N, C-alpha and C. Protein backbone atom coordinates (compact mmCIF):
# COMPACT_ATOMS: atom_id res chain seq x y z
N UNK A 1 8.66 8.26 -8.50
CA UNK A 1 7.82 8.35 -9.69
C UNK A 1 6.43 7.76 -9.40
N UNK A 2 5.41 8.46 -9.83
CA UNK A 2 4.04 8.03 -9.56
C UNK A 2 3.34 7.68 -10.86
N UNK A 3 2.75 6.50 -10.91
CA UNK A 3 2.10 6.00 -12.11
C UNK A 3 0.63 5.74 -11.86
N UNK A 4 -0.16 5.89 -12.92
CA UNK A 4 -1.55 5.45 -12.89
C UNK A 4 -1.65 4.22 -13.78
N UNK A 5 -2.22 3.13 -13.24
CA UNK A 5 -2.36 1.89 -13.99
C UNK A 5 -3.85 1.63 -14.20
N UNK A 6 -4.29 1.63 -15.44
CA UNK A 6 -5.69 1.43 -15.79
C UNK A 6 -5.85 0.09 -16.48
N UNK A 7 -6.47 -0.86 -15.79
CA UNK A 7 -6.63 -2.23 -16.29
C UNK A 7 -7.85 -2.83 -15.61
N UNK A 8 -8.80 -3.37 -16.39
CA UNK A 8 -10.03 -3.88 -15.79
C UNK A 8 -9.90 -5.32 -15.30
N UNK A 9 -8.85 -6.02 -15.68
CA UNK A 9 -8.59 -7.35 -15.15
C UNK A 9 -7.94 -7.18 -13.79
N UNK A 10 -8.70 -7.40 -12.72
CA UNK A 10 -8.20 -7.08 -11.38
C UNK A 10 -7.06 -7.98 -10.94
N UNK A 11 -7.05 -9.21 -11.39
CA UNK A 11 -5.94 -10.10 -11.03
C UNK A 11 -4.64 -9.61 -11.66
N UNK A 12 -4.71 -9.25 -12.94
CA UNK A 12 -3.53 -8.70 -13.62
C UNK A 12 -3.14 -7.37 -12.99
N UNK A 13 -4.13 -6.57 -12.65
CA UNK A 13 -3.86 -5.28 -12.03
C UNK A 13 -3.07 -5.44 -10.74
N UNK A 14 -3.50 -6.37 -9.88
CA UNK A 14 -2.79 -6.59 -8.61
C UNK A 14 -1.36 -7.05 -8.85
N UNK A 15 -1.18 -7.93 -9.83
CA UNK A 15 0.16 -8.46 -10.10
C UNK A 15 1.10 -7.35 -10.60
N UNK A 16 0.59 -6.53 -11.52
CA UNK A 16 1.42 -5.45 -12.06
C UNK A 16 1.68 -4.38 -11.00
N UNK A 17 0.67 -4.08 -10.18
CA UNK A 17 0.87 -3.13 -9.09
C UNK A 17 2.00 -3.59 -8.16
N UNK A 18 1.98 -4.86 -7.81
CA UNK A 18 3.01 -5.41 -6.93
C UNK A 18 4.39 -5.29 -7.57
N UNK A 19 4.48 -5.63 -8.84
CA UNK A 19 5.74 -5.54 -9.57
C UNK A 19 6.28 -4.12 -9.59
N UNK A 20 5.41 -3.17 -9.93
CA UNK A 20 5.84 -1.78 -10.03
C UNK A 20 6.20 -1.20 -8.67
N UNK A 21 5.42 -1.55 -7.65
CA UNK A 21 5.70 -1.05 -6.31
C UNK A 21 7.05 -1.55 -5.81
N UNK A 22 7.31 -2.83 -6.04
CA UNK A 22 8.60 -3.40 -5.62
C UNK A 22 9.76 -2.80 -6.41
N UNK A 23 9.46 -2.21 -7.56
CA UNK A 23 10.49 -1.59 -8.39
C UNK A 23 10.65 -0.11 -8.07
N UNK A 24 9.96 0.35 -7.03
CA UNK A 24 10.17 1.72 -6.55
C UNK A 24 9.18 2.76 -7.02
N UNK A 25 8.11 2.34 -7.70
CA UNK A 25 7.11 3.29 -8.18
C UNK A 25 5.93 3.36 -7.21
N UNK A 26 5.33 4.54 -7.14
CA UNK A 26 4.04 4.68 -6.45
C UNK A 26 2.97 4.45 -7.52
N UNK A 27 1.99 3.60 -7.22
CA UNK A 27 1.02 3.20 -8.23
C UNK A 27 -0.41 3.36 -7.72
N UNK A 28 -1.23 4.06 -8.49
CA UNK A 28 -2.67 4.09 -8.26
C UNK A 28 -3.31 3.23 -9.35
N UNK A 29 -4.36 2.50 -9.00
CA UNK A 29 -5.02 1.62 -9.96
C UNK A 29 -6.47 2.04 -10.16
N UNK A 30 -6.91 2.00 -11.42
CA UNK A 30 -8.33 2.21 -11.75
C UNK A 30 -8.73 1.10 -12.71
N UNK A 31 -10.06 0.92 -12.85
CA UNK A 31 -10.55 -0.25 -13.59
C UNK A 31 -11.49 0.11 -14.73
N UNK A 32 -11.61 1.41 -15.04
CA UNK A 32 -12.38 1.81 -16.22
C UNK A 32 -11.83 3.13 -16.75
N UNK A 33 -12.16 3.44 -18.00
CA UNK A 33 -11.61 4.62 -18.66
C UNK A 33 -12.04 5.94 -18.05
N UNK A 34 -13.27 6.02 -17.58
CA UNK A 34 -13.75 7.27 -16.99
C UNK A 34 -12.96 7.62 -15.73
N UNK A 35 -12.72 6.61 -14.89
CA UNK A 35 -11.94 6.85 -13.68
C UNK A 35 -10.50 7.24 -14.03
N UNK A 36 -9.96 6.65 -15.08
CA UNK A 36 -8.61 7.01 -15.49
C UNK A 36 -8.52 8.50 -15.81
N UNK A 37 -9.49 9.01 -16.57
CA UNK A 37 -9.53 10.44 -16.89
C UNK A 37 -9.64 11.28 -15.63
N UNK A 38 -10.54 10.90 -14.73
CA UNK A 38 -10.76 11.67 -13.50
C UNK A 38 -9.49 11.72 -12.65
N UNK A 39 -8.81 10.58 -12.51
CA UNK A 39 -7.61 10.54 -11.69
C UNK A 39 -6.52 11.42 -12.28
N UNK A 40 -6.35 11.36 -13.58
CA UNK A 40 -5.30 12.16 -14.22
C UNK A 40 -5.60 13.64 -14.11
N UNK A 41 -6.85 14.00 -14.27
CA UNK A 41 -7.23 15.42 -14.16
C UNK A 41 -7.10 15.93 -12.73
N UNK A 42 -7.24 15.03 -11.76
CA UNK A 42 -7.22 15.47 -10.37
C UNK A 42 -5.93 15.21 -9.62
N UNK A 43 -4.99 14.52 -10.24
CA UNK A 43 -3.75 14.18 -9.55
C UNK A 43 -2.52 14.56 -10.35
N UNK A 44 -1.37 14.23 -9.79
CA UNK A 44 -0.10 14.51 -10.46
C UNK A 44 0.61 13.18 -10.70
N UNK A 45 0.71 12.81 -11.97
CA UNK A 45 1.32 11.53 -12.33
C UNK A 45 2.49 11.75 -13.27
N UNK A 46 3.45 10.83 -13.20
CA UNK A 46 4.60 10.87 -14.09
C UNK A 46 4.39 10.02 -15.33
N UNK A 47 3.41 9.10 -15.29
CA UNK A 47 3.16 8.26 -16.44
C UNK A 47 1.86 7.49 -16.30
N UNK A 48 1.31 7.07 -17.43
CA UNK A 48 0.06 6.30 -17.48
C UNK A 48 0.31 4.99 -18.22
N UNK A 49 -0.13 3.89 -17.61
CA UNK A 49 -0.14 2.59 -18.28
C UNK A 49 -1.60 2.21 -18.40
N UNK A 50 -2.09 2.00 -19.61
CA UNK A 50 -3.53 1.79 -19.78
C UNK A 50 -3.80 0.69 -20.79
N UNK A 51 -4.81 -0.12 -20.47
CA UNK A 51 -5.23 -1.19 -21.37
C UNK A 51 -6.12 -0.62 -22.47
N UNK A 52 -6.01 -1.19 -23.64
CA UNK A 52 -6.82 -0.73 -24.78
C UNK A 52 -8.31 -0.94 -24.50
N UNK A 53 -8.69 -2.16 -24.10
CA UNK A 53 -10.10 -2.50 -23.91
C UNK A 53 -10.52 -2.24 -22.47
N UNK A 54 -11.04 -1.05 -22.23
CA UNK A 54 -11.49 -0.67 -20.89
C UNK A 54 -12.98 -0.39 -20.90
N UNK A 55 -13.71 -0.69 -19.79
CA UNK A 55 -15.12 -0.34 -19.70
C UNK A 55 -15.31 1.18 -19.73
N UNK A 56 -16.49 1.60 -20.17
CA UNK A 56 -16.92 3.01 -20.20
C UNK A 56 -16.19 3.83 -21.26
N UNK A 57 -14.87 3.89 -21.17
CA UNK A 57 -14.08 4.55 -22.21
C UNK A 57 -12.89 3.67 -22.53
N UNK A 58 -12.62 3.46 -23.80
CA UNK A 58 -11.47 2.65 -24.19
C UNK A 58 -10.18 3.39 -23.86
N UNK A 59 -9.09 2.63 -23.77
CA UNK A 59 -7.80 3.24 -23.53
C UNK A 59 -7.43 4.23 -24.63
N UNK A 60 -7.76 3.90 -25.87
CA UNK A 60 -7.47 4.79 -26.99
C UNK A 60 -8.22 6.10 -26.83
N UNK A 61 -9.48 6.03 -26.43
CA UNK A 61 -10.28 7.24 -26.27
C UNK A 61 -9.77 8.08 -25.10
N UNK A 62 -9.34 7.43 -24.02
CA UNK A 62 -8.77 8.16 -22.89
C UNK A 62 -7.55 8.95 -23.33
N UNK A 63 -6.64 8.30 -24.04
CA UNK A 63 -5.42 8.97 -24.48
C UNK A 63 -5.75 10.08 -25.47
N UNK A 64 -6.69 9.82 -26.36
CA UNK A 64 -7.06 10.84 -27.34
C UNK A 64 -7.60 12.11 -26.64
N UNK A 65 -8.45 11.91 -25.64
CA UNK A 65 -9.00 13.06 -24.92
C UNK A 65 -7.91 13.81 -24.14
N UNK A 66 -6.99 13.08 -23.55
CA UNK A 66 -5.90 13.73 -22.83
C UNK A 66 -5.08 14.61 -23.76
N UNK A 67 -4.79 14.09 -24.94
CA UNK A 67 -3.99 14.88 -25.89
C UNK A 67 -4.78 16.10 -26.39
N UNK A 68 -6.08 15.94 -26.56
CA UNK A 68 -6.91 17.08 -26.98
C UNK A 68 -6.94 18.17 -25.91
N UNK A 69 -6.80 17.76 -24.64
CA UNK A 69 -6.78 18.71 -23.53
C UNK A 69 -5.40 19.32 -23.31
N UNK A 70 -4.44 18.88 -24.10
CA UNK A 70 -3.08 19.42 -23.97
C UNK A 70 -2.23 18.68 -22.96
N UNK A 71 -2.70 17.53 -22.46
CA UNK A 71 -1.94 16.73 -21.51
C UNK A 71 -0.80 16.00 -22.25
N UNK A 72 0.43 16.19 -21.76
CA UNK A 72 1.56 15.50 -22.38
C UNK A 72 2.07 14.34 -21.54
N UNK A 73 1.21 13.84 -20.65
CA UNK A 73 1.57 12.73 -19.78
C UNK A 73 2.04 11.53 -20.61
N UNK A 74 3.23 10.99 -20.33
CA UNK A 74 3.69 9.81 -21.07
C UNK A 74 2.73 8.63 -20.88
N UNK A 75 2.50 7.90 -21.95
CA UNK A 75 1.50 6.82 -21.90
C UNK A 75 2.01 5.56 -22.58
N UNK A 76 1.90 4.45 -21.87
CA UNK A 76 2.19 3.13 -22.41
C UNK A 76 0.87 2.38 -22.54
N UNK A 77 0.53 1.95 -23.75
CA UNK A 77 -0.73 1.24 -23.98
C UNK A 77 -0.48 -0.26 -24.01
N UNK A 78 -1.31 -1.00 -23.27
CA UNK A 78 -1.21 -2.46 -23.23
C UNK A 78 -2.45 -3.06 -23.88
N UNK A 79 -2.26 -4.10 -24.68
CA UNK A 79 -3.41 -4.73 -25.32
C UNK A 79 -3.05 -6.10 -25.87
N UNK A 80 -4.08 -6.92 -26.06
CA UNK A 80 -3.89 -8.21 -26.71
C UNK A 80 -3.90 -8.06 -28.22
N UNK A 81 -4.28 -6.89 -28.71
CA UNK A 81 -4.30 -6.66 -30.16
C UNK A 81 -2.86 -6.52 -30.67
N UNK A 82 -2.52 -7.29 -31.68
CA UNK A 82 -1.15 -7.22 -32.18
C UNK A 82 -1.06 -6.91 -33.67
N UNK A 83 -2.19 -6.59 -34.28
CA UNK A 83 -2.17 -6.23 -35.70
C UNK A 83 -1.50 -4.87 -35.88
N UNK A 84 -0.81 -4.70 -36.99
CA UNK A 84 -0.09 -3.45 -37.24
C UNK A 84 -1.04 -2.26 -37.20
N UNK A 85 -2.23 -2.40 -37.80
CA UNK A 85 -3.17 -1.27 -37.84
C UNK A 85 -3.64 -0.88 -36.44
N UNK A 86 -3.72 -1.87 -35.53
CA UNK A 86 -4.11 -1.55 -34.16
C UNK A 86 -3.00 -0.75 -33.47
N UNK A 87 -1.77 -1.14 -33.67
CA UNK A 87 -0.66 -0.40 -33.09
C UNK A 87 -0.63 1.03 -33.61
N UNK A 88 -0.86 1.17 -34.91
CA UNK A 88 -0.87 2.50 -35.50
C UNK A 88 -1.98 3.35 -34.90
N UNK A 89 -3.16 2.75 -34.68
CA UNK A 89 -4.29 3.49 -34.09
C UNK A 89 -3.94 3.99 -32.70
N UNK A 90 -3.32 3.12 -31.89
CA UNK A 90 -2.95 3.52 -30.55
C UNK A 90 -1.91 4.63 -30.54
N UNK A 91 -0.91 4.52 -31.39
CA UNK A 91 0.13 5.55 -31.45
C UNK A 91 -0.42 6.85 -32.02
N UNK A 92 -1.30 6.75 -33.00
CA UNK A 92 -1.90 7.96 -33.57
C UNK A 92 -2.78 8.69 -32.56
N UNK A 93 -3.36 7.94 -31.64
CA UNK A 93 -4.20 8.56 -30.61
C UNK A 93 -3.36 9.36 -29.61
N UNK A 94 -2.06 9.06 -29.57
CA UNK A 94 -1.18 9.81 -28.68
C UNK A 94 -0.38 8.98 -27.71
N UNK A 95 -0.49 7.65 -27.78
CA UNK A 95 0.32 6.79 -26.90
C UNK A 95 1.80 6.91 -27.28
N UNK A 96 2.66 6.81 -26.28
CA UNK A 96 4.10 6.89 -26.54
C UNK A 96 4.70 5.54 -26.91
N UNK A 97 4.08 4.48 -26.42
CA UNK A 97 4.60 3.14 -26.69
C UNK A 97 3.46 2.14 -26.58
N UNK A 98 3.74 0.92 -26.99
CA UNK A 98 2.70 -0.10 -27.16
C UNK A 98 3.28 -1.43 -26.69
N UNK A 99 2.59 -2.10 -25.77
CA UNK A 99 3.06 -3.39 -25.25
C UNK A 99 1.97 -4.43 -25.44
N UNK A 100 2.30 -5.50 -26.15
CA UNK A 100 1.32 -6.54 -26.46
C UNK A 100 1.29 -7.60 -25.36
N UNK A 101 0.08 -7.98 -24.96
CA UNK A 101 -0.11 -9.06 -23.99
C UNK A 101 -0.04 -10.41 -24.71
N UNK A 102 0.44 -11.46 -24.06
CA UNK A 102 1.13 -11.45 -22.76
C UNK A 102 2.53 -10.88 -22.90
N UNK A 103 3.07 -10.38 -21.80
CA UNK A 103 4.38 -9.74 -21.84
C UNK A 103 5.23 -10.26 -20.69
N UNK A 104 6.54 -10.15 -20.86
CA UNK A 104 7.48 -10.50 -19.79
C UNK A 104 7.61 -9.32 -18.84
N UNK A 105 7.75 -9.60 -17.55
CA UNK A 105 7.84 -8.51 -16.58
C UNK A 105 9.04 -7.61 -16.86
N UNK A 106 10.13 -8.20 -17.30
CA UNK A 106 11.31 -7.41 -17.61
C UNK A 106 11.05 -6.41 -18.72
N UNK A 107 10.29 -6.85 -19.73
CA UNK A 107 9.98 -5.94 -20.83
C UNK A 107 9.08 -4.80 -20.36
N UNK A 108 8.10 -5.12 -19.52
CA UNK A 108 7.22 -4.07 -19.00
C UNK A 108 8.04 -3.01 -18.27
N UNK A 109 8.92 -3.44 -17.37
CA UNK A 109 9.71 -2.49 -16.61
C UNK A 109 10.63 -1.67 -17.52
N UNK A 110 11.20 -2.31 -18.53
CA UNK A 110 12.07 -1.59 -19.45
C UNK A 110 11.29 -0.53 -20.24
N UNK A 111 10.07 -0.88 -20.66
CA UNK A 111 9.26 0.08 -21.41
C UNK A 111 8.78 1.22 -20.52
N UNK A 112 8.49 0.92 -19.25
CA UNK A 112 8.11 1.99 -18.32
C UNK A 112 9.28 2.95 -18.13
N UNK A 113 10.48 2.42 -17.94
CA UNK A 113 11.65 3.29 -17.78
C UNK A 113 11.88 4.14 -19.02
N UNK A 114 11.73 3.53 -20.20
CA UNK A 114 11.91 4.28 -21.44
C UNK A 114 10.84 5.36 -21.58
N UNK A 115 9.60 5.03 -21.22
CA UNK A 115 8.50 6.00 -21.29
C UNK A 115 8.79 7.20 -20.39
N UNK A 116 9.25 6.94 -19.18
CA UNK A 116 9.50 8.03 -18.24
C UNK A 116 10.71 8.87 -18.64
N UNK A 117 11.69 8.26 -19.29
CA UNK A 117 12.85 9.03 -19.74
C UNK A 117 12.45 10.04 -20.81
N UNK A 118 11.42 9.74 -21.56
CA UNK A 118 10.99 10.65 -22.63
C UNK A 118 10.28 11.88 -22.08
N UNK A 119 9.83 11.80 -20.83
CA UNK A 119 9.05 12.91 -20.28
C UNK A 119 9.89 14.14 -20.01
N UNK A 120 11.11 13.93 -19.53
CA UNK A 120 11.88 15.06 -19.03
C UNK A 120 13.35 14.89 -19.38
N UNK A 121 14.15 15.94 -19.15
CA UNK A 121 15.58 15.81 -19.36
C UNK A 121 16.17 14.70 -18.50
N UNK A 122 17.38 14.35 -18.79
CA UNK A 122 18.07 13.26 -18.11
C UNK A 122 17.98 13.40 -16.59
N UNK A 123 17.60 12.33 -15.94
CA UNK A 123 17.54 12.28 -14.48
C UNK A 123 18.59 11.28 -14.00
N UNK A 124 19.53 11.72 -13.18
CA UNK A 124 20.58 10.80 -12.75
C UNK A 124 20.03 9.68 -11.90
N UNK A 125 20.67 8.50 -12.02
CA UNK A 125 20.26 7.36 -11.21
C UNK A 125 20.62 7.56 -9.75
N UNK A 126 21.66 8.37 -9.51
CA UNK A 126 22.10 8.65 -8.14
C UNK A 126 21.85 10.12 -7.84
N UNK A 127 21.05 10.36 -6.83
CA UNK A 127 20.70 11.72 -6.41
C UNK A 127 21.60 12.08 -5.23
N UNK A 128 22.24 13.28 -5.28
CA UNK A 128 23.19 13.64 -4.24
C UNK A 128 22.77 14.93 -3.54
N UNK A 129 23.06 14.97 -2.24
CA UNK A 129 22.77 16.16 -1.45
C UNK A 129 23.71 16.12 -0.25
N UNK A 130 24.65 17.06 -0.20
CA UNK A 130 25.63 17.05 0.87
C UNK A 130 26.43 15.76 0.86
N UNK A 131 26.46 15.06 2.01
CA UNK A 131 27.21 13.81 2.09
C UNK A 131 26.35 12.59 1.79
N UNK A 132 25.12 12.83 1.30
CA UNK A 132 24.19 11.74 1.01
C UNK A 132 24.16 11.42 -0.48
N UNK A 133 23.95 10.14 -0.79
CA UNK A 133 23.74 9.69 -2.17
C UNK A 133 22.59 8.70 -2.16
N UNK A 134 21.59 8.95 -2.96
CA UNK A 134 20.41 8.08 -3.04
C UNK A 134 20.41 7.39 -4.40
N UNK A 135 20.60 6.08 -4.39
CA UNK A 135 20.59 5.28 -5.62
C UNK A 135 19.14 4.94 -5.95
N UNK A 136 18.60 5.55 -7.01
CA UNK A 136 17.21 5.33 -7.36
C UNK A 136 16.96 3.89 -7.82
N UNK A 137 17.93 3.32 -8.50
CA UNK A 137 17.74 1.97 -9.01
C UNK A 137 17.62 0.93 -7.90
N UNK A 138 18.47 1.05 -6.89
CA UNK A 138 18.48 0.07 -5.80
C UNK A 138 17.77 0.53 -4.55
N UNK A 139 17.22 1.76 -4.57
CA UNK A 139 16.55 2.37 -3.41
C UNK A 139 17.48 2.33 -2.19
N UNK A 140 18.75 2.65 -2.45
CA UNK A 140 19.79 2.60 -1.41
C UNK A 140 20.26 4.00 -1.06
N UNK A 141 20.33 4.28 0.24
CA UNK A 141 20.83 5.56 0.73
C UNK A 141 22.23 5.34 1.30
N UNK A 142 23.18 6.17 0.86
CA UNK A 142 24.56 6.01 1.27
C UNK A 142 25.11 7.30 1.88
N UNK A 143 26.01 7.12 2.82
CA UNK A 143 26.79 8.22 3.37
C UNK A 143 28.18 7.67 3.65
N UNK A 144 29.15 8.11 2.88
CA UNK A 144 30.50 7.57 3.01
C UNK A 144 30.51 6.08 2.71
N UNK A 145 31.02 5.29 3.64
CA UNK A 145 31.12 3.84 3.45
C UNK A 145 29.88 3.10 3.92
N UNK A 146 28.95 3.80 4.56
CA UNK A 146 27.76 3.16 5.09
C UNK A 146 26.59 3.29 4.10
N UNK A 147 25.74 2.28 4.08
CA UNK A 147 24.58 2.32 3.19
C UNK A 147 23.45 1.49 3.79
N UNK A 148 22.23 1.78 3.34
CA UNK A 148 21.07 0.99 3.75
C UNK A 148 20.02 1.07 2.66
N UNK A 149 19.20 0.03 2.59
CA UNK A 149 18.12 -0.02 1.60
C UNK A 149 16.82 0.43 2.25
N UNK A 150 16.13 1.34 1.59
CA UNK A 150 14.89 1.89 2.12
C UNK A 150 13.69 1.16 1.56
N UNK A 151 12.62 1.11 2.34
CA UNK A 151 11.35 0.61 1.83
C UNK A 151 10.75 1.60 0.86
N UNK A 152 9.72 1.18 0.15
CA UNK A 152 9.16 1.98 -0.93
C UNK A 152 8.73 3.38 -0.50
N UNK A 153 7.93 3.50 0.55
CA UNK A 153 7.42 4.81 0.97
C UNK A 153 8.52 5.70 1.51
N UNK A 154 9.39 5.13 2.35
CA UNK A 154 10.50 5.91 2.89
C UNK A 154 11.43 6.37 1.77
N UNK A 155 11.65 5.50 0.78
CA UNK A 155 12.48 5.89 -0.36
C UNK A 155 11.87 7.07 -1.11
N UNK A 156 10.58 7.02 -1.37
CA UNK A 156 9.93 8.10 -2.12
C UNK A 156 9.97 9.42 -1.35
N UNK A 157 9.80 9.36 -0.04
CA UNK A 157 9.90 10.58 0.77
C UNK A 157 11.32 11.14 0.72
N UNK A 158 12.32 10.26 0.87
CA UNK A 158 13.71 10.71 0.84
C UNK A 158 14.05 11.29 -0.53
N UNK A 159 13.57 10.65 -1.57
CA UNK A 159 13.80 11.15 -2.93
C UNK A 159 13.19 12.54 -3.08
N UNK A 160 11.99 12.72 -2.59
CA UNK A 160 11.31 14.02 -2.69
C UNK A 160 12.08 15.11 -1.94
N UNK A 161 12.55 14.79 -0.73
CA UNK A 161 13.32 15.76 0.06
C UNK A 161 14.64 16.10 -0.61
N UNK A 162 15.31 15.10 -1.17
CA UNK A 162 16.62 15.34 -1.80
C UNK A 162 16.49 16.05 -3.14
N UNK A 163 15.35 15.92 -3.78
CA UNK A 163 15.12 16.65 -5.03
C UNK A 163 14.90 18.14 -4.78
N UNK A 164 14.49 18.48 -3.54
CA UNK A 164 14.18 19.88 -3.21
C UNK A 164 14.87 20.28 -1.91
N UNK A 165 16.20 20.23 -1.84
CA UNK A 165 16.90 20.56 -0.58
C UNK A 165 16.62 22.00 -0.15
N UNK A 166 16.33 22.15 1.14
CA UNK A 166 16.08 23.48 1.66
C UNK A 166 14.68 24.01 1.42
N UNK A 167 13.91 23.30 0.62
CA UNK A 167 12.54 23.75 0.29
C UNK A 167 11.54 23.06 1.21
N UNK A 168 10.66 23.85 1.82
CA UNK A 168 9.65 23.29 2.71
C UNK A 168 8.59 22.57 1.88
N UNK A 169 8.37 21.31 2.19
CA UNK A 169 7.36 20.50 1.51
C UNK A 169 6.23 20.23 2.50
N UNK A 170 5.01 20.50 2.09
CA UNK A 170 3.89 20.33 3.00
C UNK A 170 3.52 18.85 3.12
N UNK A 171 2.82 18.55 4.21
CA UNK A 171 2.35 17.18 4.41
C UNK A 171 1.42 16.78 3.27
N UNK A 172 0.61 17.73 2.80
CA UNK A 172 -0.30 17.45 1.68
C UNK A 172 0.47 17.07 0.42
N UNK A 173 1.55 17.78 0.14
CA UNK A 173 2.37 17.46 -1.04
C UNK A 173 2.95 16.06 -0.91
N UNK A 174 3.42 15.72 0.28
CA UNK A 174 3.99 14.39 0.50
C UNK A 174 2.94 13.31 0.39
N UNK A 175 1.78 13.55 0.97
CA UNK A 175 0.69 12.57 0.87
C UNK A 175 0.28 12.37 -0.58
N UNK A 176 0.20 13.45 -1.33
CA UNK A 176 -0.25 13.38 -2.72
C UNK A 176 0.71 12.57 -3.57
N UNK A 177 2.01 12.82 -3.41
CA UNK A 177 2.99 12.14 -4.25
C UNK A 177 3.22 10.69 -3.84
N UNK A 178 3.30 10.44 -2.53
CA UNK A 178 3.71 9.11 -2.07
C UNK A 178 2.52 8.16 -1.87
N UNK A 179 1.43 8.68 -1.31
CA UNK A 179 0.29 7.79 -1.01
C UNK A 179 -0.88 7.98 -1.97
N UNK A 180 -0.90 9.08 -2.73
CA UNK A 180 -1.99 9.31 -3.67
C UNK A 180 -3.03 10.24 -3.09
N UNK A 181 -3.58 11.09 -3.96
CA UNK A 181 -4.49 12.14 -3.50
C UNK A 181 -5.77 11.60 -2.88
N UNK A 182 -6.17 10.38 -3.26
CA UNK A 182 -7.42 9.82 -2.74
C UNK A 182 -7.18 8.77 -1.65
N UNK A 183 -5.97 8.74 -1.10
CA UNK A 183 -5.64 7.73 -0.10
C UNK A 183 -6.43 7.97 1.18
N UNK A 184 -6.80 6.87 1.84
CA UNK A 184 -7.51 6.96 3.12
C UNK A 184 -6.54 6.85 4.30
N UNK A 185 -5.26 6.82 4.02
CA UNK A 185 -4.24 6.76 5.07
C UNK A 185 -4.22 8.07 5.85
N UNK A 186 -4.08 8.00 7.16
CA UNK A 186 -4.00 9.20 7.99
C UNK A 186 -2.70 9.95 7.74
N UNK A 187 -2.75 11.29 7.85
CA UNK A 187 -1.56 12.09 7.58
C UNK A 187 -0.43 11.83 8.56
N UNK A 188 -0.76 11.23 9.73
CA UNK A 188 0.28 10.91 10.70
C UNK A 188 1.33 9.95 10.16
N UNK A 189 1.00 9.25 9.07
CA UNK A 189 1.96 8.31 8.49
C UNK A 189 3.19 9.07 7.96
N UNK A 190 3.01 10.34 7.58
CA UNK A 190 4.15 11.15 7.13
C UNK A 190 5.13 11.34 8.28
N UNK A 191 4.61 11.71 9.45
CA UNK A 191 5.47 11.93 10.62
C UNK A 191 6.20 10.64 10.98
N UNK A 192 5.51 9.51 10.91
CA UNK A 192 6.14 8.22 11.23
C UNK A 192 7.32 7.96 10.30
N UNK A 193 7.12 8.19 9.01
CA UNK A 193 8.19 7.95 8.04
C UNK A 193 9.31 8.97 8.17
N UNK A 194 8.97 10.23 8.48
CA UNK A 194 10.01 11.25 8.69
C UNK A 194 10.87 10.86 9.90
N UNK A 195 10.24 10.40 10.97
CA UNK A 195 10.98 9.96 12.17
C UNK A 195 11.90 8.80 11.83
N UNK A 196 11.40 7.88 11.01
CA UNK A 196 12.21 6.74 10.57
C UNK A 196 13.43 7.22 9.79
N UNK A 197 13.23 8.16 8.87
CA UNK A 197 14.33 8.66 8.06
C UNK A 197 15.35 9.43 8.90
N UNK A 198 14.87 10.17 9.87
CA UNK A 198 15.80 10.88 10.77
C UNK A 198 16.71 9.90 11.49
N UNK A 199 16.13 8.81 11.96
CA UNK A 199 16.93 7.80 12.65
C UNK A 199 17.96 7.18 11.71
N UNK A 200 17.55 6.93 10.46
CA UNK A 200 18.46 6.32 9.50
C UNK A 200 19.60 7.27 9.14
N UNK A 201 19.30 8.57 9.05
CA UNK A 201 20.36 9.55 8.78
C UNK A 201 21.37 9.55 9.92
N UNK A 202 20.87 9.43 11.15
CA UNK A 202 21.76 9.36 12.31
C UNK A 202 22.59 8.08 12.28
N UNK A 203 21.96 6.95 11.92
CA UNK A 203 22.67 5.68 11.84
C UNK A 203 23.79 5.74 10.81
N UNK A 204 23.56 6.45 9.73
CA UNK A 204 24.56 6.57 8.66
C UNK A 204 25.67 7.55 9.03
N UNK A 205 25.43 8.37 10.05
CA UNK A 205 26.42 9.38 10.42
C UNK A 205 26.41 10.58 9.51
N UNK A 206 25.28 10.84 8.86
CA UNK A 206 25.18 11.96 7.93
C UNK A 206 25.02 13.27 8.68
N UNK A 207 25.55 14.34 8.08
CA UNK A 207 25.37 15.68 8.64
C UNK A 207 24.04 16.30 8.20
N UNK A 208 23.37 15.66 7.24
CA UNK A 208 22.08 16.16 6.76
C UNK A 208 21.01 15.99 7.84
N UNK A 209 20.06 16.91 7.85
CA UNK A 209 19.00 16.85 8.84
C UNK A 209 17.66 17.16 8.19
N UNK A 210 16.63 16.42 8.59
CA UNK A 210 15.27 16.73 8.16
C UNK A 210 14.66 17.62 9.23
N UNK A 211 14.38 18.85 8.87
CA UNK A 211 13.87 19.82 9.82
C UNK A 211 12.39 20.07 9.60
N UNK A 212 11.75 20.56 10.64
CA UNK A 212 10.33 20.88 10.55
C UNK A 212 10.17 22.39 10.54
N UNK A 213 9.30 22.86 9.68
CA UNK A 213 8.88 24.25 9.68
C UNK A 213 7.46 24.26 10.22
N UNK A 214 7.30 24.64 11.47
CA UNK A 214 6.04 24.46 12.17
C UNK A 214 4.87 25.10 11.43
N UNK A 215 3.84 24.28 11.25
CA UNK A 215 2.65 24.75 10.55
C UNK A 215 2.80 24.77 9.06
N UNK A 216 4.00 24.41 8.56
CA UNK A 216 4.23 24.45 7.11
C UNK A 216 4.56 23.08 6.54
N UNK A 217 5.60 22.44 7.09
CA UNK A 217 5.99 21.14 6.56
C UNK A 217 7.41 20.77 6.96
N UNK A 218 8.08 20.00 6.12
CA UNK A 218 9.42 19.51 6.40
C UNK A 218 10.36 19.89 5.25
N UNK A 219 11.66 20.00 5.59
CA UNK A 219 12.66 20.24 4.55
C UNK A 219 13.97 19.56 4.95
N UNK A 220 14.78 19.28 3.92
CA UNK A 220 16.08 18.63 4.15
C UNK A 220 17.17 19.68 4.09
N UNK A 221 17.97 19.73 5.14
CA UNK A 221 19.11 20.63 5.17
C UNK A 221 20.37 19.80 4.99
N UNK A 222 21.10 20.09 3.91
CA UNK A 222 22.32 19.36 3.60
C UNK A 222 23.53 20.27 3.83
N UNK A 223 24.61 19.65 4.24
CA UNK A 223 25.85 20.39 4.46
C UNK A 223 26.94 19.77 3.59
N UNK A 224 27.73 20.62 3.00
CA UNK A 224 28.80 20.16 2.12
C UNK A 224 29.84 19.40 2.93
């Protein structure tokens, strides 16, 4: 899952980014409302977390414009404002939920999970493909009695491959989802992570294989 976090307090932004990343999310951060709009229009996100009081464009105005454009991106609004009328204003603008600062990290994560559940039909916590099972909650890959915990990037790549078995995924698609469309990371990082995952599949004794379609991309072949 890929999130955009819009917060002008950079210290808070770094802390929340770290929390979300460790919880298995890919996170892009922006520090003003105009950039938030640009990123959403130019990228593919599963959810938006945005502060009410943002430079250039307020969080409320960002959400209002997104809804006017027909964007149904789930949105969690964060703010120090706790008056009922302020909450109503944020929800009326199109926010899905409202979190008042200061907040507990557990509550933030719970609200993010609830926000993302509203976006789409039920998504199982365990993704299966052939003899593989990927536990999204624990970022654990299992095959039979063997299991291992994946790092954030490797987990997101494995999740992407298992969501689309047999489908060729381009390096650009992988870079966009896992590292972000504006990342300065070299595309070779995809090959490094694919090689890592191939080794882990071998260590687990899985019959599944990550294959390359030359000039096109990679795909996961699973066997029953």
